[in-house]
Protein backbone atom coordinates (compact mmCIF):
# COMPACT_ATOMS: atom_id res chain seq x y z
CA MET A 1 0.00 0.00 0.00
CA PRO A 2 1.57 3.34 -1.00
CA GLN A 3 2.34 5.85 1.70
CA PRO A 4 1.13 9.40 1.08
CA THR A 5 3.83 12.04 1.16
CA PRO A 6 3.17 15.02 3.39
CA PRO A 7 2.88 18.37 1.61
CA ARG A 8 6.02 20.47 1.57
CA PRO A 9 5.78 23.90 3.21
CA ILE A 10 5.33 26.88 0.90
CA CYS A 11 8.22 29.33 0.66
CA ALA A 12 7.67 32.31 2.98
CA HIS A 13 9.64 34.65 0.71
CA CYS A 14 7.56 34.22 -2.45
CA ASP A 15 4.31 32.72 -1.04
CA GLY A 16 4.41 29.92 -3.60
CA PHE A 17 4.89 32.16 -6.66
CA PRO A 18 8.56 31.39 -7.32
CA THR A 19 8.99 32.76 -10.84
CA VAL A 20 7.87 36.17 -12.06
CA THR A 21 8.20 37.91 -15.40
CA ILE A 22 9.40 41.50 -15.38
CA THR A 23 9.14 43.90 -18.30
CA THR A 24 12.31 45.77 -19.18
CA GLY A 25 10.47 48.78 -20.61
CA THR A 26 11.78 48.28 -24.15
CA CYS A 27 10.07 46.74 -27.15
CA THR A 28 11.20 44.15 -29.67
CA PRO A 29 11.20 45.04 -33.40
CA SER A 30 7.83 43.28 -33.69
CA GLY A 31 6.32 45.55 -31.03
CA GLN A 32 6.21 43.11 -28.12
CA ARG A 33 7.56 44.01 -24.69
CA LYS A 34 10.93 42.55 -23.72
CA THR A 35 10.66 40.54 -20.51
CA ILE A 36 12.99 38.69 -18.18
CA ALA A 37 12.17 35.88 -15.75
CA ALA A 38 13.28 36.11 -12.13
CA ASN A 39 13.32 33.20 -9.69
CA CYS A 40 12.97 33.44 -5.91
CA PRO A 41 16.49 33.23 -4.44
CA ALA A 42 15.28 31.55 -1.25
CA CYS A 43 13.62 28.51 -2.85
CA ARG A 44 15.49 28.68 -6.19
CA GLY A 45 12.26 28.75 -8.19
CA THR A 46 10.54 25.72 -6.65
CA GLY A 47 7.95 27.52 -4.50
CA HIS A 48 8.58 25.23 -1.56
CA THR A 49 11.00 25.21 1.30
CA THR A 50 12.94 22.12 2.15
CA THR A 51 12.67 20.70 5.59
CA ALA A 52 15.77 20.62 7.71
CA VAL A 53 17.68 17.41 7.33
CA ARG A 54 18.35 15.79 10.63
CA ALA A 55 21.98 15.24 11.35
CA HIS A 56 22.72 11.92 12.97
CA THR A 57 25.54 12.24 15.42
CA ARG A 58 27.05 9.47 17.40
CA ILE A 59 27.65 10.23 21.03
CA GLY A 60 30.38 8.30 22.73
CA ALA A 61 32.95 5.95 21.32
């Protein structure tokens, strides 16, 4: 029986909208606006934060 995966938390910096398109203010020769895409630097364009990975440390010898 498959185990459901819990939902990943949404990035607090971009609220789940990781990629936006920004107009540069100039036009192409065909008359369309030039745009650039910008990704959220916190989640690197995924829209979700990663959970902290637990570090297993061995205590003692």
